[in-house]
Structure formats: C-alpha cells, structure tokens
C-alpha cells in the first residue's frame, strides 16, 4: 500500500492569523429507524416461517392428490 504524501506545505499554527475557537462538545441524538429498515427487519423475521408453512401445506395437498390418484387396495 502506498503511503500518503503531502503535496502542500504545512502551515504552523503559531504563525497563522486569527484565533482558535473551542466549541463545547455536542451530544449526537440517535436516529430512529426508518420505515424501510423496519419493514426489512419484519420481512426477515416473518418470511422464512411463512414460506416453511406454505411448503408444508403444498406437500400435504400433493400427498392427498397422489392418494386419490392411486387408491389403496
């Protein structure tokens, strides 16, 4: 990996005009989750069990169709 190289000269703070303003620390508020994030999490939790239930229902109906087509003796 290449090291960063400075192309501009460094200005020392002692010789720079003006004054330094020190601001108090600011507390950052946590953002609330957006609607899209909420929907994505909901689908990630609900979709796999619903798909599994659908596969079970399809397998059961397929089994009943096969049982009607080939009755037992």
PDB file of N, CA and C in Angstrom:
ATOM      1  N   UNK A   1       0.845  -1.165   0.000  1.00  0.00           N
ATOM      2  CA  UNK A   1       0.000   0.000   0.000  1.00  0.00           C
ATOM      3  C   UNK A   1       0.895   1.236   0.000  1.00  0.00           C
ATOM      4  N   UNK A   2       0.536   2.211  -0.819  1.00  0.00           N
ATOM      5  CA  UNK A   2       1.325   3.436  -0.885  1.00  0.00           C
ATOM      6  C   UNK A   2       1.036   4.319   0.323  1.00  0.00           C
ATOM      7  N   UNK A   3       2.057   4.992   0.764  1.00  0.00           N
ATOM      8  CA  UNK A   3       1.893   5.942   1.852  1.00  0.00           C
ATOM      9  C   UNK A   3       1.436   7.279   1.269  1.00  0.00           C
ATOM     10  N   UNK A   4       0.616   7.984   2.021  1.00  0.00           N
ATOM     11  CA  UNK A   4       0.149   9.300   1.570  1.00  0.00           C
ATOM     12  C   UNK A   4       1.308  10.288   1.613  1.00  0.00           C
ATOM     13  N   UNK A   5       1.393  11.095   0.583  1.00  0.00           N
ATOM     14  CA  UNK A   5       2.453  12.093   0.516  1.00  0.00           C
ATOM     15  C   UNK A   5       1.820  13.475   0.505  1.00  0.00           C
ATOM     16  N   UNK A   6       2.426  14.375   1.248  1.00  0.00           N
ATOM     17  CA  UNK A   6       1.917  15.744   1.307  1.00  0.00           C
ATOM     18  C   UNK A   6       2.420  16.519   0.097  1.00  0.00           C
ATOM     19  N   UNK A   7       1.500  17.165  -0.595  1.00  0.00           N
ATOM     20  CA  UNK A   7       1.876  17.973  -1.751  1.00  0.00           C
ATOM     21  C   UNK A   7       1.903  19.456  -1.410  1.00  0.00           C
ATOM     22  N   UNK A   8       1.259  19.826  -0.304  1.00  0.00           N
ATOM     23  CA  UNK A   8       1.232  21.230   0.090  1.00  0.00           C
ATOM     24  C   UNK A   8       2.061  21.394   1.360  1.00  0.00           C
ATOM     25  N   UNK A   9       2.673  22.552   1.523  1.00  0.00           N
ATOM     26  CA  UNK A   9       3.450  22.771   2.748  1.00  0.00           C
ATOM     27  C   UNK A   9       2.534  22.887   3.965  1.00  0.00           C
ATOM     28  N   UNK A  10       3.049  22.459   5.093  1.00  0.00           N
ATOM     29  CA  UNK A  10       2.291  22.512   6.341  1.00  0.00           C
ATOM     30  C   UNK A  10       2.467  23.889   6.954  1.00  0.00           C
ATOM     31  N   UNK A  11       1.344  24.519   7.321  1.00  0.00           N
ATOM     32  CA  UNK A  11       1.380  25.844   7.938  1.00  0.00           C
ATOM     33  C   UNK A  11       1.354  25.650   9.443  1.00  0.00           C
ATOM     34  N   UNK A  12       2.285  26.253  10.127  1.00  0.00           N
ATOM     35  CA  UNK A  12       2.294  26.131  11.582  1.00  0.00           C
ATOM     36  C   UNK A  12       1.226  27.045  12.169  1.00  0.00           C
ATOM     37  N   UNK A  13       0.624  26.609  13.252  1.00  0.00           N
ATOM     38  CA  UNK A  13      -0.476  27.345  13.867  1.00  0.00           C
ATOM     39  C   UNK A  13       0.030  28.614  14.557  1.00  0.00           C
ATOM     40  N   UNK A  14       1.264  28.618  14.989  1.00  0.00           N
ATOM     41  CA  UNK A  14       1.793  29.780  15.700  1.00  0.00           C
ATOM     42  C   UNK A  14       1.838  31.021  14.806  1.00  0.00           C
ATOM     43  N   UNK A  15       2.118  30.851  13.541  1.00  0.00           N
ATOM     44  CA  UNK A  15       2.252  31.994  12.638  1.00  0.00           C
ATOM     45  C   UNK A  15       0.952  32.358  11.938  1.00  0.00           C
ATOM     46  N   UNK A  16      -0.091  31.539  12.080  1.00  0.00           N
ATOM     47  CA  UNK A  16      -1.337  31.785  11.368  1.00  0.00           C
ATOM     48  C   UNK A  16      -2.111  32.917  12.036  1.00  0.00           C
ATOM     49  N   UNK A  17      -2.718  33.801  11.221  1.00  0.00           N
ATOM     50  CA  UNK A  17      -3.522  34.887  11.803  1.00  0.00           C
ATOM     51  C   UNK A  17      -4.869  34.358  12.302  1.00  0.00           C
ATOM     52  N   UNK A  18      -5.493  35.077  13.200  1.00  0.00           N
ATOM     53  CA  UNK A  18      -6.810  34.714  13.703  1.00  0.00           C
ATOM     54  C   UNK A  18      -6.725  34.078  15.072  1.00  0.00           C
ATOM     55  N   UNK A  19      -7.864  33.600  15.530  1.00  0.00           N
ATOM     56  CA  UNK A  19      -7.914  32.982  16.844  1.00  0.00           C
ATOM     57  C   UNK A  19      -8.568  31.611  16.742  1.00  0.00           C
ATOM     58  N   UNK A  20      -8.307  30.787  17.721  1.00  0.00           N
ATOM     59  CA  UNK A  20      -8.873  29.441  17.758  1.00  0.00           C
ATOM     60  C   UNK A  20     -10.107  29.478  18.643  1.00  0.00           C
ATOM     61  N   UNK A  21     -11.220  29.017  18.105  1.00  0.00           N
ATOM     62  CA  UNK A  21     -12.470  28.978  18.860  1.00  0.00           C
ATOM     63  C   UNK A  21     -12.713  27.534  19.277  1.00  0.00           C
ATOM     64  N   UNK A  22     -12.821  27.315  20.567  1.00  0.00           N
ATOM     65  CA  UNK A  22     -13.075  25.972  21.087  1.00  0.00           C
ATOM     66  C   UNK A  22     -14.556  25.877  21.427  1.00  0.00           C
ATOM     67  N   UNK A  23     -15.237  24.950  20.775  1.00  0.00           N
ATOM     68  CA  UNK A  23     -16.670  24.766  20.996  1.00  0.00           C
ATOM     69  C   UNK A  23     -16.899  23.654  22.017  1.00  0.00           C
ATOM     70  N   UNK A  24     -17.981  23.755  22.788  1.00  0.00           N
ATOM     71  CA  UNK A  24     -18.279  22.682  23.742  1.00  0.00           C
ATOM     72  C   UNK A  24     -18.689  21.414  22.987  1.00  0.00           C
ATOM     73  N   UNK A  25     -18.477  20.256  23.598  1.00  0.00           N
ATOM     74  CA  UNK A  25     -18.878  19.016  22.924  1.00  0.00           C
ATOM     75  C   UNK A  25     -20.392  18.954  22.763  1.00  0.00           C
ATOM     76  N   UNK A  26     -20.819  18.409  21.644  1.00  0.00           N
ATOM     77  CA  UNK A  26     -22.240  18.318  21.334  1.00  0.00           C
ATOM     78  C   UNK A  26     -22.648  16.850  21.374  1.00  0.00           C
ATOM     79  N   UNK A  27     -23.748  16.571  22.070  1.00  0.00           N
ATOM     80  CA  UNK A  27     -24.240  15.203  22.130  1.00  0.00           C
ATOM     81  C   UNK A  27     -25.070  14.933  20.876  1.00  0.00           C
ATOM     82  N   UNK A  28     -24.762  13.843  20.203  1.00  0.00           N
ATOM     83  CA  UNK A  28     -25.452  13.494  18.968  1.00  0.00           C
ATOM     84  C   UNK A  28     -26.632  12.601  19.306  1.00  0.00           C
ATOM     85  N   UNK A  29     -27.794  12.952  18.756  1.00  0.00           N
ATOM     86  CA  UNK A  29     -29.001  12.181  19.012  1.00  0.00           C
ATOM     87  C   UNK A  29     -29.034  10.959  18.102  1.00  0.00           C
ATOM     88  N   UNK A  30     -29.425   9.824  18.645  1.00  0.00           N
ATOM     89  CA  UNK A  30     -29.558   8.617  17.837  1.00  0.00           C
ATOM     90  C   UNK A  30     -30.748   8.782  16.904  1.00  0.00           C
ATOM     91  N   UNK A  31     -30.567   8.369  15.681  1.00  0.00           N
ATOM     92  CA  UNK A  31     -31.665   8.467  14.725  1.00  0.00           C
ATOM     93  C   UNK A  31     -32.602   7.278  14.904  1.00  0.00           C
ATOM     94  N   UNK A  32     -33.877   7.523  14.704  1.00  0.00           N
ATOM     95  CA  UNK A  32     -34.853   6.443  14.789  1.00  0.00           C
ATOM     96  C   UNK A  32     -34.804   5.646  13.491  1.00  0.00           C
ATOM     97  N   UNK A  33     -35.075   4.347  13.565  1.00  0.00           N
ATOM     98  CA  UNK A  33     -35.034   3.544  12.347  1.00  0.00           C
ATOM     99  C   UNK A  33     -36.085   4.006  11.343  1.00  0.00           C
ATOM    100  N   UNK A  34     -35.722   4.005  10.097  1.00  0.00           N
ATOM    101  CA  UNK A  34     -36.651   4.428   9.055  1.00  0.00           C
ATOM    102  C   UNK A  34     -37.679   3.332   8.802  1.00  0.00           C
ATOM    103  N   UNK A  35     -38.708   3.691   8.061  1.00  0.00           N
ATOM    104  CA  UNK A  35     -39.781   2.740   7.766  1.00  0.00           C
ATOM    105  C   UNK A  35     -39.249   1.585   6.926  1.00  0.00           C
ATOM    106  N   UNK A  36     -38.376   1.879   5.978  1.00  0.00           N
ATOM    107  CA  UNK A  36     -37.847   0.805   5.131  1.00  0.00           C
ATOM    108  C   UNK A  36     -37.021  -0.184   5.946  1.00  0.00           C
ATOM    109  N   UNK A  37     -36.249   0.321   6.888  1.00  0.00           N
ATOM    110  CA  UNK A  37     -35.463  -0.584   7.735  1.00  0.00           C
ATOM    111  C   UNK A  37     -36.382  -1.437   8.594  1.00  0.00           C
ATOM    112  N   UNK A  38     -37.439  -0.826   9.109  1.00  0.00           N
ATOM    113  CA  UNK A  38     -38.399  -1.559   9.933  1.00  0.00           C
ATOM    114  C   UNK A  38     -39.080  -2.651   9.113  1.00  0.00           C
ATOM    115  N   UNK A  39     -39.493  -2.328   7.881  1.00  0.00           N
ATOM    116  CA  UNK A  39     -40.139  -3.318   7.021  1.00  0.00           C
ATOM    117  C   UNK A  39     -39.179  -4.448   6.645  1.00  0.00           C
ATOM    118  N   UNK A  40     -37.924  -4.103   6.383  1.00  0.00           N
ATOM    119  CA  UNK A  40     -36.935  -5.124   6.035  1.00  0.00           C
ATOM    120  C   UNK A  40     -36.738  -6.092   7.197  1.00  0.00           C
ATOM    121  N   UNK A  41     -36.617  -5.583   8.415  1.00  0.00           N
ATOM    122  CA  UNK A  41     -36.445  -6.451   9.580  1.00  0.00           C
ATOM    123  C   UNK A  41     -37.679  -7.319   9.807  1.00  0.00           C
ATOM    124  N   UNK A  42     -38.862  -6.744   9.575  1.00  0.00           N
ATOM    125  CA  UNK A  42     -40.099  -7.503   9.744  1.00  0.00           C
ATOM    126  C   UNK A  42     -40.177  -8.644   8.736  1.00  0.00           C
ATOM    127  N   UNK A  43     -39.845  -8.366   7.480  1.00  0.00           N
ATOM    128  CA  UNK A  43     -39.896  -9.427   6.473  1.00  0.00           C
ATOM    129  C   UNK A  43     -38.820 -10.476   6.722  1.00  0.00           C
ATOM    130  N   UNK A  44     -37.668 -10.073   7.226  1.00  0.00           N
ATOM    131  CA  UNK A  44     -36.623 -11.052   7.521  1.00  0.00           C
ATOM    132  C   UNK A  44     -37.049 -11.989   8.646  1.00  0.00           C
ATOM    133  N   UNK A  45     -37.881 -11.516   9.549  1.00  0.00           N
ATOM    134  CA  UNK A  45     -38.344 -12.368  10.646  1.00  0.00           C
ATOM    135  C   UNK A  45     -39.559 -13.208  10.261  1.00  0.00           C
ATOM    136  N   UNK A  46     -40.454 -12.657   9.434  1.00  0.00           N
ATOM    137  CA  UNK A  46     -41.702 -13.352   9.141  1.00  0.00           C
ATOM    138  C   UNK A  46     -41.663 -14.216   7.887  1.00  0.00           C
ATOM    139  N   UNK A  47     -40.870 -13.859   6.906  1.00  0.00           N
ATOM    140  CA  UNK A  47     -40.896 -14.567   5.633  1.00  0.00           C
ATOM    141  C   UNK A  47     -40.448 -16.031   5.729  1.00  0.00           C
ATOM    142  N   UNK A  48     -39.360 -16.373   6.400  1.00  0.00           N
ATOM    143  CA  UNK A  48     -38.968 -17.795   6.451  1.00  0.00           C
ATOM    144  C   UNK A  48     -40.013 -18.717   7.096  1.00  0.00           C
ATOM    145  N   UNK A  49     -40.622 -18.356   8.236  1.00  0.00           N
ATOM    146  CA  UNK A  49     -41.647 -19.258   8.783  1.00  0.00           C
ATOM    147  C   UNK A  49     -42.869 -19.377   7.881  1.00  0.00           C
ATOM    148  N   UNK A  50     -43.256 -18.281   7.235  1.00  0.00           N
ATOM    149  CA  UNK A  50     -44.414 -18.342   6.344  1.00  0.00           C
ATOM    150  C   UNK A  50     -44.122 -19.204   5.122  1.00  0.00           C
ATOM    151  N   UNK A  51     -42.920 -19.115   4.584  1.00  0.00           N
ATOM    152  CA  UNK A  51     -42.548 -19.967   3.456  1.00  0.00           C
ATOM    153  C   UNK A  51     -42.507 -21.436   3.871  1.00  0.00           C
ATOM    154  N   UNK A  52     -42.015 -21.714   5.057  1.00  0.00           N
ATOM    155  CA  UNK A  52     -41.995 -23.091   5.548  1.00  0.00           C
ATOM    156  C   UNK A  52     -43.399 -23.649   5.714  1.00  0.00           C
ATOM    157  N   UNK A  53     -44.306 -22.838   6.223  1.00  0.00           N
ATOM    158  CA  UNK A  53     -45.694 -23.270   6.372  1.00  0.00           C
ATOM    159  C   UNK A  53     -46.321 -23.524   5.008  1.00  0.00           C
ATOM    160  N   UNK A  54     -46.017 -22.669   4.040  1.00  0.00           N
ATOM    161  CA  UNK A  54     -46.533 -22.868   2.686  1.00  0.00           C
ATOM    162  C   UNK A  54     -46.024 -24.152   2.061  1.00  0.00           C
ATOM    163  N   UNK A  55     -44.763 -24.477   2.282  1.00  0.00           N
ATOM    164  CA  UNK A  55     -44.205 -25.733   1.753  1.00  0.00           C
ATOM    165  C   UNK A  55     -44.894 -26.928   2.398  1.00  0.00           C
ATOM    166  N   UNK A  56     -45.158 -26.860   3.694  1.00  0.00           N
ATOM    167  CA  UNK A  56     -45.858 -27.964   4.362  1.00  0.00           C
ATOM    168  C   UNK A  56     -47.275 -28.141   3.816  1.00  0.00           C
ATOM    169  N   UNK A  57     -47.970 -27.034   3.580  1.00  0.00           N
ATOM    170  CA  UNK A  57     -49.326 -27.125   3.032  1.00  0.00           C
ATOM    171  C   UNK A  57     -49.309 -27.687   1.616  1.00  0.00           C
ATOM    172  N   UNK A  58     -48.353 -27.268   0.803  1.00  0.00           N
ATOM    173  CA  UNK A  58     -48.243 -27.803  -0.558  1.00  0.00           C
ATOM    174  C   UNK A  58     -47.918 -29.294  -0.542  1.00  0.00           C
ATOM    175  N   UNK A  59     -47.033 -29.703   0.345  1.00  0.00           N
ATOM    176  CA  UNK A  59     -46.681 -31.121   0.434  1.00  0.00           C
ATOM    177  C   UNK A  59     -47.892 -31.949   0.864  1.00  0.00           C
ATOM    178  N   UNK A  60     -48.672 -31.439   1.794  1.00  0.00           N
ATOM    179  CA  UNK A  60     -49.864 -32.164   2.243  1.00  0.00           C
ATOM    180  C   UNK A  60     -50.907 -32.273   1.151  1.00  0.00           C
ATOM    181  N   UNK A  61     -51.121 -31.190   0.409  1.00  0.00           N
ATOM    182  CA  UNK A  61     -52.110 -31.244  -0.669  1.00  0.00           C
ATOM    183  C   UNK A  61     -51.628 -32.152  -1.798  1.00  0.00           C
ATOM    184  N   UNK A  62     -50.339 -32.146  -2.079  1.00  0.00           N
ATOM    185  CA  UNK A  62     -49.786 -33.029  -3.109  1.00  0.00           C
ATOM    186  C   UNK A  62     -49.953 -34.493  -2.695  1.00  0.00           C
ATOM    187  N   UNK A  63     -49.740 -34.761  -1.419  1.00  0.00           N
ATOM    188  CA  UNK A  63     -49.900 -36.120  -0.905  1.00  0.00           C
ATOM    189  C   UNK A  63     -51.351 -36.589  -1.035  1.00  0.00           C
ATOM    190  N   UNK A  64     -52.300 -35.681  -0.761  1.00  0.00           N
ATOM    191  CA  UNK A  64     -53.713 -36.041  -0.890  1.00  0.00           C
ATOM    192  C   UNK A  64     -54.087 -36.293  -2.348  1.00  0.00           C
ATOM    193  N   UNK A  65     -53.518 -35.501  -3.275  1.00  0.00           N
ATOM    194  CA  UNK A  65     -53.789 -35.716  -4.702  1.00  0.00           C
ATOM    195  C   UNK A  65     -53.233 -37.054  -5.160  1.00  0.00           C
ATOM    196  N   UNK A  66     -52.058 -37.401  -4.720  1.00  0.00           N
ATOM    197  CA  UNK A  66     -51.452 -38.680  -5.084  1.00  0.00           C
ATOM    198  C   UNK A  66     -52.271 -39.831  -4.494  1.00  0.00           C
ATOM    199  N   UNK A  67     -52.782 -39.651  -3.285  1.00  0.00           N
ATOM    200  CA  UNK A  67     -53.566 -40.707  -2.638  1.00  0.00           C
ATOM    201  C   UNK A  67     -54.876 -40.941  -3.393  1.00  0.00           C
ATOM    202  N   UNK A  68     -55.477 -39.898  -3.948  1.00  0.00           N
ATOM    203  CA  UNK A  68     -56.715 -40.059  -4.715  1.00  0.00           C
ATOM    204  C   UNK A  68     -56.426 -40.714  -6.067  1.00  0.00           C
ATOM    205  N   UNK A  69     -55.295 -40.390  -6.666  1.00  0.00           N
ATOM    206  CA  UNK A  69     -54.969 -40.947  -7.980  1.00  0.00           C
ATOM    207  C   UNK A  69     -54.625 -42.430  -7.890  1.00  0.00           C
ATOM    208  N   UNK A  70     -53.998 -42.838  -6.807  1.00  0.00           N
ATOM    209  CA  UNK A  70     -53.610 -44.238  -6.624  1.00  0.00           C
ATOM    210  C   UNK A  70     -54.230 -44.761  -5.328  1.00  0.00           C
ATOM    211  N   UNK A  71     -55.498 -45.178  -5.379  1.00  0.00           N
ATOM    212  CA  UNK A  71     -56.131 -45.657  -4.139  1.00  0.00           C
ATOM    213  C   UNK A  71     -55.505 -46.966  -3.657  1.00  0.00           C
ATOM    214  N   UNK A  72     -55.562 -47.169  -2.364  1.00  0.00           N
ATOM    215  CA  UNK A  72     -55.021 -48.404  -1.774  1.00  0.00           C
ATOM    216  C   UNK A  72     -55.991 -49.549  -2.027  1.00  0.00           C
ATOM    217  N   UNK A  73     -55.476 -50.751  -2.011  1.00  0.00           N
ATOM    218  CA  UNK A  73     -56.317 -51.926  -2.263  1.00  0.00           C
ATOM    219  C   UNK A  73     -56.978 -52.404  -1.025  1.00  0.00           C
TER     220      UNK A  73
END
